[in-house]
PDB file of all heavy atoms in Angstrom:
ATOM      1  N   ALA A   1     -39.561 -41.203  94.694  1.00  0.00           N
ATOM      2  CA  ALA A   1     -38.648 -42.043  95.489  1.00  0.00           C
ATOM      3  C   ALA A   1     -38.976 -43.538  95.167  1.00  0.00           C
ATOM      4  O   ALA A   1     -38.153 -44.414  95.194  1.00  0.00           O
ATOM      5  CB  ALA A   1     -38.653 -41.764  96.928  1.00  0.00           C
ATOM      6  N   LYS A   2     -40.332 -43.821  95.009  1.00  0.00           N
ATOM      7  CA  LYS A   2     -40.777 -45.189  94.762  1.00  0.00           C
ATOM      8  C   LYS A   2     -40.530 -45.607  93.297  1.00  0.00           C
ATOM      9  O   LYS A   2     -40.691 -46.735  92.969  1.00  0.00           O
ATOM     10  CB  LYS A   2     -42.277 -45.316  95.011  1.00  0.00           C
ATOM     11  CG  LYS A   2     -42.621 -45.246  96.544  1.00  0.00           C
ATOM     12  CD  LYS A   2     -44.104 -45.336  96.760  1.00  0.00           C
ATOM     13  CE  LYS A   2     -44.703 -46.741  96.295  1.00  0.00           C
ATOM     14  NZ  LYS A   2     -46.188 -46.731  96.584  1.00  0.00           N
ATOM     15  N   GLY A   3     -40.098 -44.640  92.440  1.00  0.00           N
ATOM     16  CA  GLY A   3     -39.766 -45.028  91.147  1.00  0.00           C
ATOM     17  C   GLY A   3     -40.797 -44.709  90.128  1.00  0.00           C
ATOM     18  O   GLY A   3     -40.677 -45.138  88.892  1.00  0.00           O
ATOM     19  N   LEU A   4     -41.876 -44.003  90.495  1.00  0.00           N
ATOM     20  CA  LEU A   4     -42.891 -43.722  89.454  1.00  0.00           C
ATOM     21  C   LEU A   4     -42.428 -42.652  88.523  1.00  0.00           C
ATOM     22  O   LEU A   4     -41.655 -41.752  88.810  1.00  0.00           O
ATOM     23  CB  LEU A   4     -44.179 -43.232  90.254  1.00  0.00           C
ATOM     24  CG  LEU A   4     -45.159 -44.350  90.630  1.00  0.00           C
ATOM     25  CD1 LEU A   4     -44.556 -45.154  91.762  1.00  0.00           C
ATOM     26  CD2 LEU A   4     -46.486 -43.713  91.066  1.00  0.00           C
ATOM     27  N   SER A   5     -42.945 -42.737  87.290  1.00  0.00           N
ATOM     28  CA  SER A   5     -42.579 -41.730  86.233  1.00  0.00           C
ATOM     29  C   SER A   5     -43.454 -40.498  86.328  1.00  0.00           C
ATOM     30  O   SER A   5     -44.458 -40.486  87.099  1.00  0.00           O
ATOM     31  CB  SER A   5     -42.809 -42.379  84.839  1.00  0.00           C
ATOM     32  OG  SER A   5     -44.230 -42.563  84.620  1.00  0.00           O
ATOM     33  N   VAL A   6     -43.054 -39.512  85.680  1.00  0.00           N
ATOM     34  CA  VAL A   6     -43.807 -38.198  85.648  1.00  0.00           C
ATOM     35  C   VAL A   6     -45.218 -38.511  85.173  1.00  0.00           C
ATOM     36  O   VAL A   6     -46.202 -37.996  85.798  1.00  0.00           O
ATOM     37  CB  VAL A   6     -43.198 -37.150  84.742  1.00  0.00           C
ATOM     38  CG1 VAL A   6     -44.030 -35.910  84.586  1.00  0.00           C
ATOM     39  CG2 VAL A   6     -41.822 -36.721  85.357  1.00  0.00           C
ATOM     40  N   ASN A   7     -45.400 -39.333  84.192  1.00  0.00           N
ATOM     41  CA  ASN A   7     -46.700 -39.659  83.673  1.00  0.00           C
ATOM     42  C   ASN A   7     -47.523 -40.401  84.717  1.00  0.00           C
ATOM     43  O   ASN A   7     -48.683 -40.067  84.862  1.00  0.00           O
ATOM     44  CB  ASN A   7     -46.554 -40.527  82.491  1.00  0.00           C
ATOM     45  CG  ASN A   7     -47.983 -40.828  81.724  1.00  0.00           C
ATOM     46  OD1 ASN A   7     -48.598 -39.901  81.343  1.00  0.00           O
ATOM     47  ND2 ASN A   7     -48.217 -42.073  81.669  1.00  0.00           N
ATOM     48  N   ASP A   8     -46.915 -41.346  85.426  1.00  0.00           N
ATOM     49  CA  ASP A   8     -47.643 -42.063  86.432  1.00  0.00           C
ATOM     50  C   ASP A   8     -48.037 -41.192  87.564  1.00  0.00           C
ATOM     51  O   ASP A   8     -49.186 -41.296  88.111  1.00  0.00           O
ATOM     52  CB  ASP A   8     -46.728 -43.237  87.022  1.00  0.00           C
ATOM     53  CG  ASP A   8     -46.509 -44.277  86.036  1.00  0.00           C
ATOM     54  OD1 ASP A   8     -47.218 -44.467  85.074  1.00  0.00           O
ATOM     55  OD2 ASP A   8     -45.450 -45.032  86.169  1.00  0.00           O
ATOM     56  N   ILE A   9     -47.180 -40.297  87.977  1.00  0.00           N
ATOM     57  CA  ILE A   9     -47.522 -39.338  89.105  1.00  0.00           C
ATOM     58  C   ILE A   9     -48.667 -38.455  88.687  1.00  0.00           C
ATOM     59  O   ILE A   9     -49.555 -38.167  89.453  1.00  0.00           O
ATOM     60  CB  ILE A   9     -46.266 -38.507  89.520  1.00  0.00           C
ATOM     61  CG1 ILE A   9     -45.227 -39.524  90.104  1.00  0.00           C
ATOM     62  CG2 ILE A   9     -46.618 -37.486  90.527  1.00  0.00           C
ATOM     63  CD1 ILE A   9     -43.848 -38.854  90.416  1.00  0.00           C
ATOM     64  N   ALA A  10     -48.515 -37.906  87.467  1.00  0.00           N
ATOM     65  CA  ALA A  10     -49.576 -36.965  86.972  1.00  0.00           C
ATOM     66  C   ALA A  10     -50.949 -37.598  86.985  1.00  0.00           C
ATOM     67  O   ALA A  10     -51.903 -37.116  87.393  1.00  0.00           O
ATOM     68  CB  ALA A  10     -49.221 -36.454  85.534  1.00  0.00           C
ATOM     69  N   THR A  11     -50.998 -38.909  86.525  1.00  0.00           N
ATOM     70  CA  THR A  11     -52.182 -39.629  86.423  1.00  0.00           C
ATOM     71  C   THR A  11     -52.741 -40.023  87.840  1.00  0.00           C
ATOM     72  O   THR A  11     -53.932 -39.758  88.125  1.00  0.00           O
ATOM     73  CB  THR A  11     -52.056 -40.977  85.738  1.00  0.00           C
ATOM     74  OG1 THR A  11     -51.575 -40.679  84.381  1.00  0.00           O
ATOM     75  CG2 THR A  11     -53.377 -41.823  85.639  1.00  0.00           C
ATOM     76  N   LEU A  12     -51.854 -40.425  88.715  1.00  0.00           N
ATOM     77  CA  LEU A  12     -52.207 -40.816  90.101  1.00  0.00           C
ATOM     78  C   LEU A  12     -52.800 -39.636  90.852  1.00  0.00           C
ATOM     79  O   LEU A  12     -53.760 -39.754  91.613  1.00  0.00           O
ATOM     80  CB  LEU A  12     -51.040 -41.424  90.797  1.00  0.00           C
ATOM     81  CG  LEU A  12     -51.284 -42.099  92.134  1.00  0.00           C
ATOM     82  CD1 LEU A  12     -52.340 -43.261  91.980  1.00  0.00           C
ATOM     83  CD2 LEU A  12     -49.998 -42.597  92.769  1.00  0.00           C
ATOM     84  N   LEU A  13     -52.171 -38.418  90.737  1.00  0.00           N
ATOM     85  CA  LEU A  13     -52.557 -37.240  91.538  1.00  0.00           C
ATOM     86  C   LEU A  13     -53.537 -36.364  90.803  1.00  0.00           C
ATOM     87  O   LEU A  13     -53.976 -35.306  91.261  1.00  0.00           O
ATOM     88  CB  LEU A  13     -51.318 -36.494  91.928  1.00  0.00           C
ATOM     89  CG  LEU A  13     -50.341 -37.249  92.802  1.00  0.00           C
ATOM     90  CD1 LEU A  13     -49.174 -36.290  93.183  1.00  0.00           C
ATOM     91  CD2 LEU A  13     -50.952 -37.833  94.029  1.00  0.00           C
ATOM     92  N   SER A  14     -53.914 -36.776  89.568  1.00  0.00           N
ATOM     93  CA  SER A  14     -54.784 -35.977  88.694  1.00  0.00           C
ATOM     94  C   SER A  14     -54.308 -34.525  88.508  1.00  0.00           C
ATOM     95  O   SER A  14     -55.105 -33.553  88.681  1.00  0.00           O
ATOM     96  CB  SER A  14     -56.240 -35.897  89.337  1.00  0.00           C
ATOM     97  OG  SER A  14     -56.792 -37.203  89.417  1.00  0.00           O
ATOM     98  N   ILE A  15     -52.986 -34.397  88.172  1.00  0.00           N
ATOM     99  CA  ILE A  15     -52.465 -33.185  87.888  1.00  0.00           C
ATOM    100  C   ILE A  15     -51.705 -33.262  86.506  1.00  0.00           C
ATOM    101  O   ILE A  15     -51.480 -34.339  85.966  1.00  0.00           O
ATOM    102  CB  ILE A  15     -51.458 -32.671  89.012  1.00  0.00           C
ATOM    103  CG1 ILE A  15     -50.320 -33.694  89.280  1.00  0.00           C
ATOM    104  CG2 ILE A  15     -52.274 -32.382  90.217  1.00  0.00           C
ATOM    105  CD1 ILE A  15     -49.403 -33.321  90.263  1.00  0.00           C
ATOM    106  N   SER A  16     -51.330 -32.103  85.923  1.00  0.00           N
ATOM    107  CA  SER A  16     -50.584 -32.126  84.661  1.00  0.00           C
ATOM    108  C   SER A  16     -49.157 -32.471  84.763  1.00  0.00           C
ATOM    109  O   SER A  16     -48.552 -32.408  85.874  1.00  0.00           O
ATOM    110  CB  SER A  16     -50.742 -30.744  84.056  1.00  0.00           C
ATOM    111  OG  SER A  16     -49.935 -29.754  84.688  1.00  0.00           O
ATOM    112  N   HIS A  17     -48.586 -32.832  83.691  1.00  0.00           N
ATOM    113  CA  HIS A  17     -47.180 -33.190  83.684  1.00  0.00           C
ATOM    114  C   HIS A  17     -46.323 -32.007  84.070  1.00  0.00           C
ATOM    115  O   HIS A  17     -45.297 -32.075  84.748  1.00  0.00           O
ATOM    116  CB  HIS A  17     -46.675 -33.672  82.250  1.00  0.00           C
ATOM    117  CG  HIS A  17     -47.215 -34.999  81.928  1.00  0.00           C
ATOM    118  ND1 HIS A  17     -46.823 -35.717  80.801  1.00  0.00           N
ATOM    119  CD2 HIS A  17     -48.241 -35.761  82.481  1.00  0.00           C
ATOM    120  CE1 HIS A  17     -47.509 -36.835  80.731  1.00  0.00           C
ATOM    121  NE2 HIS A  17     -48.369 -36.862  81.733  1.00  0.00           N
ATOM    122  N   LYS A  18     -46.787 -30.725  83.576  1.00  0.00           N
ATOM    123  CA  LYS A  18     -46.084 -29.519  83.916  1.00  0.00           C
ATOM    124  C   LYS A  18     -46.036 -29.292  85.439  1.00  0.00           C
ATOM    125  O   LYS A  18     -45.068 -28.789  85.953  1.00  0.00           O
ATOM    126  CB  LYS A  18     -46.728 -28.351  83.111  1.00  0.00           C
ATOM    127  CG  LYS A  18     -46.068 -27.030  83.365  1.00  0.00           C
ATOM    128  CD  LYS A  18     -46.700 -25.930  82.579  1.00  0.00           C
ATOM    129  CE  LYS A  18     -46.026 -24.577  82.743  1.00  0.00           C
ATOM    130  NZ  LYS A  18     -46.636 -23.569  81.961  1.00  0.00           N
ATOM    131  N   THR A  19     -47.195 -29.536  86.044  1.00  0.00           N
ATOM    132  CA  THR A  19     -47.274 -29.389  87.508  1.00  0.00           C
ATOM    133  C   THR A  19     -46.341 -30.317  88.277  1.00  0.00           C
ATOM    134  O   THR A  19     -45.652 -29.957  89.161  1.00  0.00           O
ATOM    135  CB  THR A  19     -48.728 -29.596  87.956  1.00  0.00           C
ATOM    136  OG1 THR A  19     -49.605 -28.692  87.240  1.00  0.00           O
ATOM    137  CG2 THR A  19     -48.804 -29.374  89.485  1.00  0.00           C
ATOM    138  N   VAL A  20     -46.241 -31.588  87.781  1.00  0.00           N
ATOM    139  CA  VAL A  20     -45.315 -32.488  88.399  1.00  0.00           C
ATOM    140  C   VAL A  20     -43.871 -31.886  88.270  1.00  0.00           C
ATOM    141  O   VAL A  20     -43.109 -32.005  89.228  1.00  0.00           O
ATOM    142  CB  VAL A  20     -45.445 -33.902  87.703  1.00  0.00           C
ATOM    143  CG1 VAL A  20     -44.291 -34.890  88.310  1.00  0.00           C
ATOM    144  CG2 VAL A  20     -46.809 -34.514  87.950  1.00  0.00           C
ATOM    145  N   ALA A  21     -43.522 -31.474  87.104  1.00  0.00           N
ATOM    146  CA  ALA A  21     -42.271 -30.948  86.844  1.00  0.00           C
ATOM    147  C   ALA A  21     -41.951 -29.697  87.772  1.00  0.00           C
ATOM    148  O   ALA A  21     -40.855 -29.559  88.235  1.00  0.00           O
ATOM    149  CB  ALA A  21     -42.063 -30.440  85.375  1.00  0.00           C
ATOM    150  N   THR A  22     -43.005 -28.877  88.027  1.00  0.00           N
ATOM    151  CA  THR A  22     -42.824 -27.757  88.902  1.00  0.00           C
ATOM    152  C   THR A  22     -42.493 -28.244  90.316  1.00  0.00           C
ATOM    153  O   THR A  22     -41.643 -27.721  91.045  1.00  0.00           O
ATOM    154  CB  THR A  22     -44.154 -26.918  88.924  1.00  0.00           C
ATOM    155  OG1 THR A  22     -44.343 -26.358  87.638  1.00  0.00           O
ATOM    156  CG2 THR A  22     -43.917 -25.708  89.928  1.00  0.00           C
ATOM    157  N   TYR A  23     -43.215 -29.348  90.742  1.00  0.00           N
ATOM    158  CA  TYR A  23     -42.960 -29.858  92.075  1.00  0.00           C
ATOM    159  C   TYR A  23     -41.568 -30.473  92.184  1.00  0.00           C
ATOM    160  O   TYR A  23     -40.873 -30.346  93.196  1.00  0.00           O
ATOM    161  CB  TYR A  23     -43.993 -30.899  92.383  1.00  0.00           C
ATOM    162  CG  TYR A  23     -45.329 -30.324  92.902  1.00  0.00           C
ATOM    163  CD1 TYR A  23     -46.531 -30.618  92.205  1.00  0.00           C
ATOM    164  CD2 TYR A  23     -45.369 -29.516  93.998  1.00  0.00           C
ATOM    165  CE1 TYR A  23     -47.672 -30.087  92.601  1.00  0.00           C
ATOM    166  CE2 TYR A  23     -46.592 -29.039  94.421  1.00  0.00           C
ATOM    167  CZ  TYR A  23     -47.707 -29.279  93.739  1.00  0.00           C
ATOM    168  OH  TYR A  23     -48.927 -28.759  94.136  1.00  0.00           O
ATOM    169  N   GLN A  24     -41.088 -31.041  91.067  1.00  0.00           N
ATOM    170  CA  GLN A  24     -39.735 -31.601  91.041  1.00  0.00           C
ATOM    171  C   GLN A  24     -38.710 -30.488  91.242  1.00  0.00           C
ATOM    172  O   GLN A  24     -37.750 -30.693  92.004  1.00  0.00           O
ATOM    173  CB  GLN A  24     -39.478 -32.300  89.691  1.00  0.00           C
ATOM    174  CG  GLN A  24     -40.159 -33.662  89.565  1.00  0.00           C
ATOM    175  CD  GLN A  24     -39.869 -34.362  88.248  1.00  0.00           C
ATOM    176  OE1 GLN A  24     -40.022 -33.700  87.204  1.00  0.00           O
ATOM    177  NE2 GLN A  24     -39.404 -35.583  88.262  1.00  0.00           N
ATOM    178  N   THR A  25     -38.934 -29.393  90.583  1.00  0.00           N
ATOM    179  CA  THR A  25     -38.019 -28.241  90.790  1.00  0.00           C
ATOM    180  C   THR A  25     -38.043 -27.690  92.203  1.00  0.00           C
ATOM    181  O   THR A  25     -36.976 -27.387  92.783  1.00  0.00           O
ATOM    182  CB  THR A  25     -38.501 -27.131  89.800  1.00  0.00           C
ATOM    183  OG1 THR A  25     -38.398 -27.552  88.430  1.00  0.00           O
ATOM    184  CG2 THR A  25     -37.531 -25.888  89.975  1.00  0.00           C
ATOM    185  N   ARG A  26     -39.223 -27.670  92.825  1.00  0.00           N
ATOM    186  CA  ARG A  26     -39.285 -27.164  94.180  1.00  0.00           C
ATOM    187  C   ARG A  26     -38.523 -28.173  95.206  1.00  0.00           C
ATOM    188  O   ARG A  26     -37.903 -27.772  96.077  1.00  0.00           O
ATOM    189  CB  ARG A  26     -40.779 -27.122  94.641  1.00  0.00           C
ATOM    190  CG  ARG A  26     -41.534 -25.938  93.938  1.00  0.00           C
ATOM    191  CD  ARG A  26     -42.917 -25.976  94.524  1.00  0.00           C
ATOM    192  NE  ARG A  26     -43.856 -25.025  93.811  1.00  0.00           N
ATOM    193  CZ  ARG A  26     -45.186 -24.949  93.968  1.00  0.00           C
ATOM    194  NH1 ARG A  26     -45.718 -25.749  94.977  1.00  0.00           N
ATOM    195  NH2 ARG A  26     -45.888 -24.115  93.351  1.00  0.00           N
ATOM    196  N   LEU A  27     -38.738 -29.446  94.894  1.00  0.00           N
ATOM    197  CA  LEU A  27     -38.100 -30.460  95.762  1.00  0.00           C
ATOM    198  C   LEU A  27     -36.531 -30.349  95.658  1.00  0.00           C
ATOM    199  O   LEU A  27     -35.827 -30.434  96.680  1.00  0.00           O
ATOM    200  CB  LEU A  27     -38.554 -31.879  95.374  1.00  0.00           C
ATOM    201  CG  LEU A  27     -40.013 -32.236  95.696  1.00  0.00           C
ATOM    202  CD1 LEU A  27     -40.414 -33.543  94.987  1.00  0.00           C
ATOM    203  CD2 LEU A  27     -40.164 -32.345  97.172  1.00  0.00           C
ATOM    204  N   LYS A  28     -36.094 -30.162  94.452  1.00  0.00           N
ATOM    205  CA  LYS A  28     -34.638 -29.982  94.292  1.00  0.00           C
ATOM    206  C   LYS A  28     -34.074 -28.857  95.029  1.00  0.00           C
ATOM    207  O   LYS A  28     -33.037 -28.870  95.678  1.00  0.00           O
ATOM    208  CB  LYS A  28     -34.312 -29.915  92.821  1.00  0.00           C
ATOM    209  CG  LYS A  28     -34.501 -31.156  91.972  1.00  0.00           C
ATOM    210  CD  LYS A  28     -34.147 -30.890  90.534  1.00  0.00           C
ATOM    211  CE  LYS A  28     -34.360 -32.179  89.720  1.00  0.00           C
ATOM    212  NZ  LYS A  28     -34.192 -31.967  88.252  1.00  0.00           N
ATOM    213  N   ARG A  29     -34.840 -27.741  95.074  1.00  0.00           N
ATOM    214  CA  ARG A  29     -34.422 -26.526  95.715  1.00  0.00           C
ATOM    215  C   ARG A  29     -34.552 -26.707  97.238  1.00  0.00           C
ATOM    216  O   ARG A  29     -33.582 -26.399  97.959  1.00  0.00           O
ATOM    217  CB  ARG A  29     -35.268 -25.321  95.271  1.00  0.00           C
ATOM    218  CG  ARG A  29     -34.790 -24.014  95.938  1.00  0.00           C
ATOM    219  CD  ARG A  29     -35.651 -22.869  95.435  1.00  0.00           C
ATOM    220  NE  ARG A  29     -37.014 -22.890  96.007  1.00  0.00           N
ATOM    221  CZ  ARG A  29     -38.055 -23.208  95.317  1.00  0.00           C
ATOM    222  NH1 ARG A  29     -38.055 -23.442  93.993  1.00  0.00           N
ATOM    223  NH2 ARG A  29     -39.343 -23.209  95.862  1.00  0.00           N
ATOM    224  N   LYS A  30     -35.651 -27.206  97.683  1.00  0.00           N
ATOM    225  CA  LYS A  30     -35.895 -27.319  99.194  1.00  0.00           C
ATOM    226  C   LYS A  30     -34.982 -28.345  99.858  1.00  0.00           C
ATOM    227  O   LYS A  30     -34.562 -28.216 100.945  1.00  0.00           O
ATOM    228  CB  LYS A  30     -37.342 -27.622  99.466  1.00  0.00           C
ATOM    229  CG  LYS A  30     -38.357 -26.445  99.259  1.00  0.00           C
ATOM    230  CD  LYS A  30     -39.670 -26.831  99.769  1.00  0.00           C
ATOM    231  CE  LYS A  30     -40.679 -25.651  99.736  1.00  0.00           C
ATOM    232  NZ  LYS A  30     -41.973 -25.984 100.300  1.00  0.00           N
ATOM    233  N   LEU A  31     -34.750 -29.464  99.139  1.00  0.00           N
ATOM    234  CA  LEU A  31     -33.945 -30.584  99.666  1.00  0.00           C
ATOM    235  C   LEU A  31     -32.506 -30.613  99.214  1.00  0.00           C
ATOM    236  O   LEU A  31     -31.727 -31.509  99.564  1.00  0.00           O
ATOM    237  CB  LEU A  31     -34.671 -31.919  99.379  1.00  0.00           C
ATOM    238  CG  LEU A  31     -36.111 -32.016  99.927  1.00  0.00           C
ATOM    239  CD1 LEU A  31     -36.674 -33.352  99.516  1.00  0.00           C
ATOM    240  CD2 LEU A  31     -36.140 -31.827 101.387  1.00  0.00           C
ATOM    241  N   ASN A  32     -32.163 -29.641  98.361  1.00  0.00           N
ATOM    242  CA  ASN A  32     -30.741 -29.566  97.814  1.00  0.00           C
ATOM    243  C   ASN A  32     -30.437 -30.893  97.067  1.00  0.00           C
ATOM    244  O   ASN A  32     -29.383 -31.473  97.325  1.00  0.00           O
ATOM    245  CB  ASN A  32     -29.783 -29.294  98.910  1.00  0.00           C
ATOM    246  CG  ASN A  32     -28.389 -28.900  98.327  1.00  0.00           C
ATOM    247  OD1 ASN A  32     -28.347 -28.302  97.244  1.00  0.00           O
ATOM    248  ND2 ASN A  32     -27.419 -29.230  99.113  1.00  0.00           N
ATOM    249  N   ILE A  33     -31.303 -31.319  96.179  1.00  0.00           N
ATOM    250  CA  ILE A  33     -31.167 -32.581  95.479  1.00  0.00           C
ATOM    251  C   ILE A  33     -30.416 -32.240  94.192  1.00  0.00           C
ATOM    252  O   ILE A  33     -30.820 -31.383  93.441  1.00  0.00           O
ATOM    253  CB  ILE A  33     -32.502 -33.220  95.170  1.00  0.00           C
ATOM    254  CG1 ILE A  33     -33.198 -33.646  96.470  1.00  0.00           C
ATOM    255  CG2 ILE A  33     -32.336 -34.349  94.218  1.00  0.00           C
ATOM    256  CD1 ILE A  33     -34.585 -34.132  96.328  1.00  0.00           C
ATOM    257  N   GLN A  34     -29.340 -32.906  93.993  1.00  0.00           N
ATOM    258  CA  GLN A  34     -28.531 -32.806  92.746  1.00  0.00           C
ATOM    259  C   GLN A  34     -28.817 -33.894  91.778  1.00  0.00           C
ATOM    260  O   GLN A  34     -28.527 -33.710  90.541  1.00  0.00           O
ATOM    261  CB  GLN A  34     -27.066 -32.785  93.139  1.00  0.00           C
ATOM    262  CG  GLN A  34     -26.663 -31.739  94.113  1.00  0.00           C
ATOM    263  CD  GLN A  34     -26.963 -30.276  93.701  1.00  0.00           C
ATOM    264  OE1 GLN A  34     -26.728 -30.012  92.473  1.00  0.00           O
ATOM    265  NE2 GLN A  34     -27.414 -29.491  94.554  1.00  0.00           N
ATOM    266  N   SER A  35     -29.279 -35.034  92.227  1.00  0.00           N
ATOM    267  CA  SER A  35     -29.473 -36.152  91.337  1.00  0.00           C
ATOM    268  C   SER A  35     -30.576 -37.060  91.885  1.00  0.00           C
ATOM    269  O   SER A  35     -30.973 -36.996  93.060  1.00  0.00           O
ATOM    270  CB  SER A  35     -28.138 -36.997  91.212  1.00  0.00           C
ATOM    271  OG  SER A  35     -27.875 -37.692  92.385  1.00  0.00           O
ATOM    272  N   PRO A  36     -31.140 -37.982  91.042  1.00  0.00           N
ATOM    273  CA  PRO A  36     -32.132 -38.928  91.525  1.00  0.00           C
ATOM    274  C   PRO A  36     -31.570 -39.732  92.653  1.00  0.00           C
ATOM    275  O   PRO A  36     -32.399 -40.134  93.564  1.00  0.00           O
ATOM    276  CB  PRO A  36     -32.413 -39.786  90.247  1.00  0.00           C
ATOM    277  CG  PRO A  36     -32.114 -38.912  89.156  1.00  0.00           C
ATOM    278  CD  PRO A  36     -30.912 -38.055  89.543  1.00  0.00           C
ATOM    279  N   ILE A  37     -30.304 -40.064  92.655  1.00  0.00           N
ATOM    280  CA  ILE A  37     -29.745 -40.917  93.749  1.00  0.00           C
ATOM    281  C   ILE A  37     -29.882 -40.141  95.034  1.00  0.00           C
ATOM    282  O   ILE A  37     -30.113 -40.697  96.150  1.00  0.00           O
ATOM    283  CB  ILE A  37     -28.234 -41.223  93.400  1.00  0.00           C
ATOM    284  CG1 ILE A  37     -28.141 -42.099  92.227  1.00  0.00           C
ATOM    285  CG2 ILE A  37     -27.583 -41.856  94.664  1.00  0.00           C
ATOM    286  CD1 ILE A  37     -26.769 -42.503  91.740  1.00  0.00           C
ATOM    287  N   ASP A  38     -29.591 -38.808  94.968  1.00  0.00           N
ATOM    288  CA  ASP A  38     -29.771 -37.988  96.213  1.00  0.00           C
ATOM    289  C   ASP A  38     -31.153 -38.041  96.823  1.00  0.00           C
ATOM    290  O   ASP A  38     -31.319 -38.149  98.054  1.00  0.00           O
ATOM    291  CB  ASP A  38     -29.429 -36.490  95.986  1.00  0.00           C
ATOM    292  CG  ASP A  38     -27.927 -36.296  95.646  1.00  0.00           C
ATOM    293  OD1 ASP A  38     -27.144 -37.084  95.986  1.00  0.00           O
ATOM    294  OD2 ASP A  38     -27.648 -35.212  95.035  1.00  0.00           O
ATOM    295  N   LEU A  39     -32.080 -38.036  95.901  1.00  0.00           N
ATOM    296  CA  LEU A  39     -33.519 -38.139  96.392  1.00  0.00           C
ATOM    297  C   LEU A  39     -33.837 -39.429  97.029  1.00  0.00           C
ATOM    298  O   LEU A  39     -34.394 -39.471  98.106  1.00  0.00           O
ATOM    299  CB  LEU A  39     -34.448 -37.923  95.147  1.00  0.00           C
ATOM    300  CG  LEU A  39     -35.968 -37.806  95.497  1.00  0.00           C
ATOM    301  CD1 LEU A  39     -36.634 -36.831  94.503  1.00  0.00           C
ATOM    302  CD2 LEU A  39     -36.622 -39.150  95.385  1.00  0.00           C
ATOM    303  N   VAL A  40     -33.333 -40.511  96.432  1.00  0.00           N
ATOM    304  CA  VAL A  40     -33.536 -41.813  97.071  1.00  0.00           C
ATOM    305  C   VAL A  40     -32.903 -41.979  98.388  1.00  0.00           C
ATOM    306  O   VAL A  40     -33.454 -42.593  99.328  1.00  0.00           O
ATOM    307  CB  VAL A  40     -33.099 -43.002  96.122  1.00  0.00           C
ATOM    308  CG1 VAL A  40     -33.218 -44.342  96.780  1.00  0.00           C
ATOM    309  CG2 VAL A  40     -34.013 -42.992  94.840  1.00  0.00           C
ATOM    310  N   LYS A  41     -31.648 -41.418  98.549  1.00  0.00           N
ATOM    311  CA  LYS A  41     -30.873 -41.452  99.736  1.00  0.00           C
ATOM    312  C   LYS A  41     -31.663 -40.751 100.867  1.00  0.00           C
ATOM    313  O   LYS A  41     -31.736 -41.203 101.938  1.00  0.00           O
ATOM    314  CB  LYS A  41     -29.531 -40.868  99.548  1.00  0.00           C
ATOM    315  CG  LYS A  41     -28.493 -41.767  98.868  1.00  0.00           C
ATOM    316  CD  LYS A  41     -27.206 -41.105  98.721  1.00  0.00           C
ATOM    317  CE  LYS A  41     -26.160 -41.988  98.035  1.00  0.00           C
ATOM    318  NZ  LYS A  41     -24.854 -41.325  97.920  1.00  0.00           N
ATOM    319  N   ILE A  42     -32.218 -39.564 100.583  1.00  0.00           N
ATOM    320  CA  ILE A  42     -32.955 -38.781 101.567  1.00  0.00           C
ATOM    321  C   ILE A  42     -34.190 -39.596 101.938  1.00  0.00           C
ATOM    322  O   ILE A  42     -34.526 -39.655 103.126  1.00  0.00           O
ATOM    323  CB  ILE A  42     -33.352 -37.424 100.885  1.00  0.00           C
ATOM    324  CG1 ILE A  42     -32.139 -36.522 100.747  1.00  0.00           C
ATOM    325  CG2 ILE A  42     -34.326 -36.748 101.889  1.00  0.00           C
ATOM    326  CD1 ILE A  42     -32.449 -35.224 100.003  1.00  0.00           C
TER     327      ILE A  42
END
């Protein structure tokens, strides 16, 4: 939501890019997010 890239998030949280992508998928499912705009609105 703050605008960080997958690479930035992976570095900051010390996790892999693949793990960040997995969390993105979970967030879309749990929060019914269809687009980045939906995420920012929430």
